[in-house]
Amino acid sequence: MRLIDADYLKKVLNSGTGEAVEINISKNMPLGKIVDTVIHAYRKCLFAELEKVPTAYDVDKVVEQLEASSIDDNGIVCCVDGKPVITKEMAVKIVKSSGIE
């Protein structure tokens, strides 16, 4: 699982410039088959676009910044008004796990 840039995805989907797929529909096809074909094509395009959407943050860069952050003698990252918030090890663990427990 990854956190995606939803604004980017909305922009691509609204612009109509995303992935394209050929749809083969004939006059003799039943309406249900036409609907299924269109839905399948839409899903295929959507999934292709989802793969291209950038991640909202780069885990490696966040970990790098955490490791370079100011840390007191107890290994606690001072983030909010100089008050200890969380240990660097715990912050790195949270970021690497994408928040999944």
Protein backbone atom coordinates (compact mmCIF):
# COMPACT_ATOMS: atom_id res chain seq x y z
CA MET A 1 0.00 0.00 0.00
CA ARG A 2 1.18 3.52 -0.72
CA LEU A 3 -0.09 7.02 -0.13
CA ILE A 4 -0.78 8.55 -3.55
CA ASP A 5 -1.08 12.12 -4.76
CA ALA A 6 -4.86 12.23 -5.27
CA ASP A 7 -4.75 15.74 -6.76
CA TYR A 8 -2.44 14.49 -9.51
CA LEU A 9 -4.78 11.57 -10.28
CA LYS A 10 -7.84 13.86 -10.42
CA LYS A 11 -5.99 16.19 -12.80
CA VAL A 12 -5.08 13.33 -15.16
CA LEU A 13 -8.57 11.81 -15.08
CA ASN A 14 -10.26 15.17 -15.65
CA SER A 15 -7.93 16.11 -18.51
CA GLY A 16 -8.73 13.04 -20.56
CA THR A 17 -5.07 12.61 -21.43
CA GLY A 18 -4.60 9.35 -19.55
CA GLU A 19 -4.17 5.79 -20.70
CA ALA A 20 -6.21 4.69 -23.73
CA VAL A 21 -7.48 1.28 -24.72
CA GLU A 22 -9.22 0.10 -27.87
CA ILE A 23 -12.83 -1.07 -27.41
CA ASN A 24 -14.41 -3.38 -29.97
CA ILE A 25 -18.19 -3.01 -29.99
CA SER A 26 -20.49 -4.17 -32.76
CA LYS A 27 -24.08 -3.26 -33.57
CA ASN A 28 -25.20 -6.80 -32.81
CA MET A 29 -23.78 -6.92 -29.28
CA PRO A 30 -26.34 -7.10 -26.47
CA LEU A 31 -26.45 -3.98 -24.28
CA GLY A 32 -25.18 -5.89 -21.25
CA LYS A 33 -22.09 -7.03 -23.17
CA ILE A 34 -21.44 -3.45 -24.33
CA VAL A 35 -21.68 -2.17 -20.76
CA ASP A 36 -19.34 -4.93 -19.50
CA THR A 37 -16.84 -4.14 -22.28
CA VAL A 38 -16.83 -0.42 -21.47
CA ILE A 39 -16.49 -1.03 -17.73
CA HIS A 40 -13.61 -3.46 -18.30
CA ALA A 41 -11.84 -0.92 -20.52
CA TYR A 42 -12.40 1.85 -17.97
CA ARG A 43 -10.99 -0.28 -15.15
CA LYS A 44 -7.96 -1.21 -17.26
CA CYS A 45 -7.24 2.46 -17.97
CA LEU A 46 -7.80 3.49 -14.36
CA PHE A 47 -5.46 0.82 -13.00
CA ALA A 48 -2.80 1.81 -15.55
CA GLU A 49 -3.07 5.44 -14.43
CA LEU A 50 -2.92 4.47 -10.75
CA GLU A 51 0.44 2.84 -11.38
CA LYS A 52 1.75 6.15 -12.73
CA VAL A 53 0.53 8.32 -9.85
CA PRO A 54 3.43 9.58 -7.76
CA THR A 55 3.64 8.70 -4.11
CA ALA A 56 2.66 11.59 -1.87
CA TYR A 57 5.96 11.27 -0.03
CA ASP A 58 9.22 9.45 -0.55
CA VAL A 59 9.84 7.07 2.38
CA ASP A 60 13.61 7.10 1.89
CA LYS A 61 13.75 10.90 1.90
CA VAL A 62 11.60 11.11 5.06
CA VAL A 63 13.82 8.55 6.82
CA GLU A 64 16.90 10.47 5.68
CA GLN A 65 15.47 13.69 7.13
CA LEU A 66 14.56 11.97 10.40
CA GLU A 67 18.06 10.55 10.71
CA ALA A 68 19.54 14.02 10.13
CA SER A 69 17.13 15.75 12.54
CA SER A 70 18.10 17.20 15.89
CA ILE A 71 18.14 14.50 18.54
CA ASP A 72 18.76 14.87 22.24
CA ASP A 73 20.98 12.55 24.33
CA ASN A 74 18.09 10.11 24.84
CA GLY A 75 17.53 9.62 21.10
CA ILE A 76 14.35 11.73 21.13
CA VAL A 77 13.55 13.87 18.11
CA CYS A 78 12.66 17.41 19.12
CA CYS A 79 9.99 18.48 16.66
CA VAL A 80 7.35 20.72 18.26
CA ASP A 81 8.53 23.86 20.01
CA GLY A 82 11.64 22.02 21.14
CA LYS A 83 9.57 19.51 23.11
CA PRO A 84 10.39 15.80 22.82
CA VAL A 85 7.81 14.12 20.64
CA ILE A 86 8.99 10.68 19.55
CA THR A 87 12.16 8.64 19.36
CA LYS A 88 13.92 8.61 16.03
CA GLU A 89 13.73 4.81 15.91
CA MET A 90 9.94 4.86 16.42
CA ALA A 91 9.47 7.58 13.76
CA VAL A 92 11.55 5.60 11.24
CA LYS A 93 9.58 2.44 12.05
CA ILE A 94 6.25 4.26 11.51
CA VAL A 95 7.38 5.78 8.19
CA LYS A 96 8.76 2.50 6.85
CA SER A 97 5.61 0.59 7.78
CA SER A 98 3.39 3.21 6.07
CA GLY A 99 1.52 3.57 9.36
CA ILE A 100 0.30 -0.05 9.25
CA GLU A 101 0.50 -1.83 12.58
